[in-house]
Amino acid sequence: MAEGEVADTEPATQAGELSIVASVTDGIHVLTAAGEIDHQSGDTLRQALDVSDASRPRVVVDLGRVTFMDSSGINVLITAHRTLSEAGGWLRLARPGQSVQRVLRLVGIDAVIDCHETLPQALTD
């Protein structure tokens, strides 16, 4: 597959106010989320983050269109980070908006999970 090529695009999944589009770029699972991540939509994110069929799974969650995230979303991200790390992979976050970035900083997630200003940075750093 050529560098930068996108493959395996899946249709958006919806639960309440959250939609997630999953794709693969250069072997990295990219989840583009839009809407709110809360206790009602957390399972949708959790399911999308399950890439247990991949060896050394690498995942980037693009948060650029996420308008709200509560502790449910934080818990999902922490669990996914731990699971992916134990499998020899990693989780990175890209483009968190101001309100989401504030939550990530308040709870210290940005010190545990790599956060990047842009999607290309998250894919290459």
N, C-alpha and C. Protein backbone atom coordinates (compact mmCIF):
# COMPACT_ATOMS: atom_id res chain seq x y z
N MET A 1 0.85 -1.17 0.00
CA MET A 1 0.00 0.00 0.00
C MET A 1 0.89 1.24 0.00
N ALA A 2 0.58 2.19 -0.81
CA ALA A 2 1.38 3.41 -0.94
C ALA A 2 1.23 4.27 0.31
N GLU A 3 2.28 5.00 0.63
CA GLU A 3 2.24 5.86 1.82
C GLU A 3 1.11 6.88 1.69
N GLY A 4 0.37 7.04 2.79
CA GLY A 4 -0.73 8.00 2.80
C GLY A 4 -2.02 7.45 2.23
N GLU A 5 -1.98 6.23 1.70
CA GLU A 5 -3.18 5.64 1.11
C GLU A 5 -4.12 5.19 2.21
N VAL A 6 -5.41 5.37 2.00
CA VAL A 6 -6.42 4.99 2.96
C VAL A 6 -7.11 3.74 2.45
N ALA A 7 -7.29 2.76 3.35
CA ALA A 7 -7.95 1.52 2.98
C ALA A 7 -8.94 1.12 4.05
N ASP A 8 -9.83 0.20 3.73
CA ASP A 8 -10.77 -0.38 4.68
C ASP A 8 -11.65 0.65 5.36
N THR A 9 -12.16 1.60 4.63
CA THR A 9 -13.05 2.60 5.20
C THR A 9 -14.38 1.93 5.54
N GLU A 10 -14.84 2.14 6.76
CA GLU A 10 -16.11 1.58 7.21
C GLU A 10 -17.11 2.71 7.36
N PRO A 11 -18.41 2.43 7.20
CA PRO A 11 -19.41 3.48 7.38
C PRO A 11 -19.46 3.95 8.82
N ALA A 12 -19.93 5.15 9.01
CA ALA A 12 -20.05 5.73 10.35
C ALA A 12 -20.99 4.90 11.19
N THR A 13 -20.66 4.74 12.47
CA THR A 13 -21.54 4.09 13.41
C THR A 13 -22.13 5.19 14.27
N GLN A 14 -23.40 5.09 14.61
CA GLN A 14 -24.00 6.16 15.40
C GLN A 14 -24.62 5.63 16.67
N ALA A 15 -24.45 6.36 17.73
CA ALA A 15 -25.10 6.08 19.01
C ALA A 15 -25.37 7.43 19.65
N GLY A 16 -26.62 7.80 19.70
CA GLY A 16 -26.94 9.11 20.28
C GLY A 16 -26.32 10.21 19.46
N GLU A 17 -25.45 10.96 20.08
CA GLU A 17 -24.85 12.13 19.46
C GLU A 17 -23.43 11.89 18.94
N LEU A 18 -22.98 10.63 18.87
CA LEU A 18 -21.61 10.33 18.44
C LEU A 18 -21.61 9.50 17.17
N SER A 19 -20.77 9.89 16.23
CA SER A 19 -20.54 9.04 15.06
C SER A 19 -19.04 8.84 14.92
N ILE A 20 -18.67 7.67 14.44
CA ILE A 20 -17.27 7.33 14.26
C ILE A 20 -17.09 6.71 12.89
N VAL A 21 -16.13 7.24 12.14
CA VAL A 21 -15.76 6.67 10.86
C VAL A 21 -14.38 6.04 11.04
N ALA A 22 -14.28 4.77 10.71
CA ALA A 22 -13.03 4.04 10.87
C ALA A 22 -12.37 3.84 9.52
N SER A 23 -11.06 4.03 9.48
CA SER A 23 -10.29 3.78 8.26
C SER A 23 -8.91 3.30 8.67
N VAL A 24 -8.13 2.88 7.69
CA VAL A 24 -6.76 2.45 7.94
C VAL A 24 -5.86 3.23 6.99
N THR A 25 -4.84 3.87 7.55
CA THR A 25 -3.87 4.62 6.78
C THR A 25 -2.48 4.09 7.13
N ASP A 26 -1.79 3.56 6.15
CA ASP A 26 -0.44 3.02 6.37
C ASP A 26 -0.39 2.04 7.55
N GLY A 27 -1.43 1.22 7.67
CA GLY A 27 -1.47 0.22 8.74
C GLY A 27 -1.92 0.76 10.08
N ILE A 28 -2.24 2.04 10.16
CA ILE A 28 -2.69 2.65 11.40
C ILE A 28 -4.20 2.82 11.34
N HIS A 29 -4.89 2.32 12.38
CA HIS A 29 -6.35 2.48 12.47
C HIS A 29 -6.64 3.93 12.84
N VAL A 30 -7.44 4.60 12.03
CA VAL A 30 -7.81 5.99 12.28
C VAL A 30 -9.30 6.03 12.56
N LEU A 31 -9.66 6.54 13.73
CA LEU A 31 -11.06 6.69 14.12
C LEU A 31 -11.37 8.17 14.15
N THR A 32 -12.26 8.60 13.26
CA THR A 32 -12.65 10.00 13.20
C THR A 32 -14.00 10.12 13.91
N ALA A 33 -13.97 10.76 15.06
CA ALA A 33 -15.17 10.89 15.88
C ALA A 33 -15.80 12.27 15.70
N ALA A 34 -17.12 12.31 15.79
CA ALA A 34 -17.86 13.57 15.70
C ALA A 34 -19.03 13.52 16.68
N GLY A 35 -19.20 14.60 17.42
CA GLY A 35 -20.31 14.68 18.36
C GLY A 35 -19.84 14.66 19.80
N GLU A 36 -20.64 14.03 20.66
CA GLU A 36 -20.38 14.02 22.09
C GLU A 36 -19.98 12.63 22.56
N ILE A 37 -18.95 12.58 23.41
CA ILE A 37 -18.55 11.31 24.02
C ILE A 37 -18.93 11.39 25.49
N ASP A 38 -19.95 10.62 25.86
CA ASP A 38 -20.44 10.62 27.24
C ASP A 38 -20.86 9.22 27.62
N HIS A 39 -21.57 9.09 28.75
CA HIS A 39 -21.95 7.76 29.24
C HIS A 39 -22.87 7.02 28.26
N GLN A 40 -23.62 7.72 27.44
CA GLN A 40 -24.51 7.07 26.49
C GLN A 40 -23.78 6.61 25.23
N SER A 41 -22.73 7.31 24.84
CA SER A 41 -22.03 6.99 23.60
C SER A 41 -20.67 6.33 23.82
N GLY A 42 -20.28 6.15 25.07
CA GLY A 42 -18.97 5.58 25.37
C GLY A 42 -18.77 4.19 24.79
N ASP A 43 -19.83 3.38 24.77
CA ASP A 43 -19.71 2.03 24.22
C ASP A 43 -19.39 2.04 22.73
N THR A 44 -19.89 3.02 22.01
CA THR A 44 -19.59 3.13 20.59
C THR A 44 -18.10 3.37 20.39
N LEU A 45 -17.52 4.26 21.18
CA LEU A 45 -16.09 4.51 21.10
C LEU A 45 -15.31 3.28 21.53
N ARG A 46 -15.73 2.63 22.59
CA ARG A 46 -15.06 1.43 23.10
C ARG A 46 -15.03 0.35 22.01
N GLN A 47 -16.14 0.12 21.36
CA GLN A 47 -16.20 -0.89 20.29
C GLN A 47 -15.31 -0.52 19.12
N ALA A 48 -15.30 0.74 18.75
CA ALA A 48 -14.46 1.19 17.63
C ALA A 48 -12.98 1.02 17.96
N LEU A 49 -12.61 1.18 19.22
CA LEU A 49 -11.22 1.05 19.64
C LEU A 49 -10.76 -0.40 19.77
N ASP A 50 -11.68 -1.33 19.64
CA ASP A 50 -11.32 -2.75 19.75
C ASP A 50 -10.72 -3.23 18.44
N VAL A 51 -9.41 -3.24 18.38
CA VAL A 51 -8.69 -3.74 17.21
C VAL A 51 -7.86 -4.95 17.62
N SER A 52 -8.46 -5.79 18.46
CA SER A 52 -7.76 -6.93 19.03
C SER A 52 -7.31 -7.94 17.97
N ASP A 53 -7.86 -7.86 16.77
CA ASP A 53 -7.47 -8.78 15.70
C ASP A 53 -6.15 -8.36 15.05
N ALA A 54 -5.65 -7.19 15.37
CA ALA A 54 -4.40 -6.69 14.76
C ALA A 54 -3.22 -7.00 15.66
N SER A 55 -2.09 -7.33 15.03
CA SER A 55 -0.87 -7.49 15.83
C SER A 55 -0.21 -6.12 15.93
N ARG A 56 0.33 -5.81 17.10
CA ARG A 56 0.91 -4.49 17.37
C ARG A 56 -0.02 -3.37 16.89
N PRO A 57 -1.25 -3.34 17.42
CA PRO A 57 -2.25 -2.37 16.94
C PRO A 57 -1.86 -0.92 17.22
N ARG A 58 -1.98 -0.11 16.19
CA ARG A 58 -1.71 1.33 16.31
C ARG A 58 -2.99 2.05 15.94
N VAL A 59 -3.42 2.96 16.82
CA VAL A 59 -4.70 3.65 16.65
C VAL A 59 -4.54 5.14 16.90
N VAL A 60 -5.12 5.94 16.01
CA VAL A 60 -5.22 7.38 16.20
C VAL A 60 -6.70 7.73 16.26
N VAL A 61 -7.09 8.46 17.29
CA VAL A 61 -8.47 8.95 17.40
C VAL A 61 -8.43 10.44 17.07
N ASP A 62 -9.09 10.79 15.97
CA ASP A 62 -9.20 12.18 15.54
C ASP A 62 -10.39 12.81 16.27
N LEU A 63 -10.10 13.72 17.19
CA LEU A 63 -11.13 14.34 18.03
C LEU A 63 -11.55 15.72 17.53
N GLY A 64 -11.16 16.07 16.33
CA GLY A 64 -11.40 17.41 15.81
C GLY A 64 -12.86 17.82 15.75
N ARG A 65 -13.77 16.87 15.65
CA ARG A 65 -15.20 17.20 15.57
C ARG A 65 -15.97 16.77 16.81
N VAL A 66 -15.23 16.44 17.88
CA VAL A 66 -15.88 16.08 19.14
C VAL A 66 -16.14 17.37 19.91
N THR A 67 -17.39 17.59 20.27
CA THR A 67 -17.80 18.83 20.92
C THR A 67 -17.84 18.74 22.44
N PHE A 68 -17.85 17.50 22.96
CA PHE A 68 -17.97 17.30 24.40
C PHE A 68 -17.41 15.94 24.77
N MET A 69 -16.69 15.87 25.89
CA MET A 69 -16.25 14.59 26.42
C MET A 69 -16.28 14.64 27.93
N ASP A 70 -16.90 13.63 28.54
CA ASP A 70 -16.93 13.57 30.00
C ASP A 70 -16.03 12.43 30.48
N SER A 71 -16.14 12.10 31.75
CA SER A 71 -15.27 11.08 32.35
C SER A 71 -15.44 9.71 31.71
N SER A 72 -16.60 9.45 31.13
CA SER A 72 -16.81 8.17 30.43
C SER A 72 -15.84 8.04 29.27
N GLY A 73 -15.69 9.10 28.51
CA GLY A 73 -14.75 9.10 27.39
C GLY A 73 -13.32 8.97 27.85
N ILE A 74 -12.99 9.64 28.94
CA ILE A 74 -11.64 9.55 29.50
C ILE A 74 -11.34 8.10 29.90
N ASN A 75 -12.29 7.45 30.57
CA ASN A 75 -12.11 6.06 30.98
C ASN A 75 -11.93 5.13 29.80
N VAL A 76 -12.69 5.35 28.74
CA VAL A 76 -12.56 4.53 27.53
C VAL A 76 -11.16 4.70 26.93
N LEU A 77 -10.68 5.93 26.87
CA LEU A 77 -9.36 6.20 26.30
C LEU A 77 -8.24 5.58 27.15
N ILE A 78 -8.35 5.68 28.46
CA ILE A 78 -7.34 5.10 29.35
C ILE A 78 -7.30 3.58 29.19
N THR A 79 -8.46 2.95 29.18
CA THR A 79 -8.54 1.50 29.01
C THR A 79 -7.95 1.08 27.67
N ALA A 80 -8.30 1.80 26.61
CA ALA A 80 -7.79 1.47 25.28
C ALA A 80 -6.27 1.66 25.23
N HIS A 81 -5.78 2.73 25.82
CA HIS A 81 -4.33 2.98 25.86
C HIS A 81 -3.61 1.80 26.53
N ARG A 82 -4.12 1.38 27.65
CA ARG A 82 -3.52 0.27 28.39
C ARG A 82 -3.57 -1.02 27.57
N THR A 83 -4.71 -1.33 26.99
CA THR A 83 -4.88 -2.55 26.20
C THR A 83 -3.96 -2.56 24.99
N LEU A 84 -3.93 -1.44 24.25
CA LEU A 84 -3.09 -1.36 23.06
C LEU A 84 -1.61 -1.43 23.41
N SER A 85 -1.21 -0.79 24.50
CA SER A 85 0.19 -0.83 24.93
C SER A 85 0.60 -2.25 25.31
N GLU A 86 -0.27 -2.95 26.03
CA GLU A 86 0.02 -4.34 26.42
C GLU A 86 0.16 -5.25 25.21
N ALA A 87 -0.51 -4.91 24.10
CA ALA A 87 -0.44 -5.70 22.87
C ALA A 87 0.74 -5.27 21.99
N GLY A 88 1.56 -4.35 22.49
CA GLY A 88 2.72 -3.90 21.72
C GLY A 88 2.42 -2.77 20.76
N GLY A 89 1.22 -2.18 20.87
CA GLY A 89 0.83 -1.08 19.99
C GLY A 89 0.77 0.24 20.73
N TRP A 90 0.00 1.17 20.21
CA TRP A 90 -0.15 2.47 20.85
C TRP A 90 -1.46 3.14 20.45
N LEU A 91 -1.81 4.15 21.25
CA LEU A 91 -2.96 5.01 21.01
C LEU A 91 -2.47 6.44 20.99
N ARG A 92 -2.90 7.20 19.99
CA ARG A 92 -2.60 8.64 19.92
C ARG A 92 -3.90 9.39 19.68
N LEU A 93 -3.93 10.61 20.15
CA LEU A 93 -5.09 11.48 19.95
C LEU A 93 -4.67 12.63 19.05
N ALA A 94 -5.59 13.03 18.16
CA ALA A 94 -5.30 14.11 17.22
C ALA A 94 -6.40 15.15 17.25
N ARG A 95 -6.01 16.39 17.07
CA ARG A 95 -6.89 17.55 16.87
C ARG A 95 -7.97 17.76 17.94
N PRO A 96 -7.65 17.59 19.22
CA PRO A 96 -8.70 17.86 20.20
C PRO A 96 -9.08 19.34 20.17
N GLY A 97 -10.37 19.60 20.14
CA GLY A 97 -10.85 20.98 20.19
C GLY A 97 -10.58 21.57 21.57
N GLN A 98 -10.81 22.85 21.71
CA GLN A 98 -10.48 23.56 22.94
C GLN A 98 -11.15 22.95 24.17
N SER A 99 -12.45 22.64 24.08
CA SER A 99 -13.15 22.10 25.26
C SER A 99 -12.67 20.69 25.60
N VAL A 100 -12.41 19.88 24.59
CA VAL A 100 -11.91 18.52 24.83
C VAL A 100 -10.48 18.58 25.35
N GLN A 101 -9.68 19.44 24.78
CA GLN A 101 -8.29 19.58 25.21
C GLN A 101 -8.23 20.01 26.68
N ARG A 102 -9.14 20.86 27.07
CA ARG A 102 -9.19 21.32 28.47
C ARG A 102 -9.44 20.13 29.40
N VAL A 103 -10.37 19.27 29.04
CA VAL A 103 -10.66 18.08 29.85
C VAL A 103 -9.44 17.16 29.89
N LEU A 104 -8.80 16.94 28.74
CA LEU A 104 -7.62 16.07 28.69
C LEU A 104 -6.51 16.60 29.61
N ARG A 105 -6.34 17.91 29.62
CA ARG A 105 -5.29 18.52 30.46
C ARG A 105 -5.67 18.46 31.94
N LEU A 106 -6.94 18.73 32.25
CA LEU A 106 -7.38 18.72 33.65
C LEU A 106 -7.15 17.38 34.33
N VAL A 107 -7.39 16.30 33.60
CA VAL A 107 -7.23 14.97 34.20
C VAL A 107 -5.85 14.37 33.92
N GLY A 108 -5.03 15.06 33.16
CA GLY A 108 -3.67 14.61 32.92
C GLY A 108 -3.50 13.56 31.84
N ILE A 109 -4.51 13.34 31.02
CA ILE A 109 -4.43 12.35 29.94
C ILE A 109 -3.35 12.74 28.94
N ASP A 110 -3.18 14.01 28.70
CA ASP A 110 -2.19 14.46 27.72
C ASP A 110 -0.77 14.11 28.15
N ALA A 111 -0.57 13.77 29.41
CA ALA A 111 0.74 13.34 29.89
C ALA A 111 0.92 11.83 29.75
N VAL A 112 -0.17 11.11 29.51
CA VAL A 112 -0.13 9.65 29.42
C VAL A 112 -0.28 9.18 27.96
N ILE A 113 -1.19 9.80 27.24
CA ILE A 113 -1.47 9.44 25.85
C ILE A 113 -0.96 10.58 24.97
N ASP A 114 -0.21 10.23 23.92
CA ASP A 114 0.32 11.25 23.01
C ASP A 114 -0.83 12.01 22.35
N CYS A 115 -0.81 13.33 22.48
CA CYS A 115 -1.81 14.20 21.86
C CYS A 115 -1.11 15.07 20.82
N HIS A 116 -1.70 15.18 19.64
CA HIS A 116 -1.09 15.93 18.55
C HIS A 116 -2.07 16.96 18.01
N GLU A 117 -1.53 18.08 17.54
CA GLU A 117 -2.37 19.16 17.01
C GLU A 117 -3.02 18.79 15.69
N THR A 118 -2.36 17.95 14.89
CA THR A 118 -2.90 17.59 13.59
C THR A 118 -2.92 16.07 13.41
N LEU A 119 -3.74 15.61 12.50
CA LEU A 119 -3.79 14.18 12.18
C LEU A 119 -2.49 13.72 11.54
N PRO A 120 -1.92 14.44 10.58
CA PRO A 120 -0.64 13.99 10.00
C PRO A 120 0.47 13.85 11.07
N GLN A 121 0.50 14.74 12.06
CA GLN A 121 1.50 14.61 13.12
C GLN A 121 1.29 13.33 13.91
N ALA A 122 0.04 13.03 14.22
CA ALA A 122 -0.28 11.82 14.99
C ALA A 122 0.08 10.55 14.21
N LEU A 123 -0.03 10.62 12.89
CA LEU A 123 0.28 9.46 12.06
C LEU A 123 1.78 9.24 11.88
N THR A 124 2.58 10.31 12.02
CA THR A 124 4.00 10.18 11.72
C THR A 124 4.93 10.30 12.92
N ASP A 125 4.53 10.95 13.99
CA ASP A 125 5.42 11.14 15.15
C ASP A 125 5.68 9.84 15.88
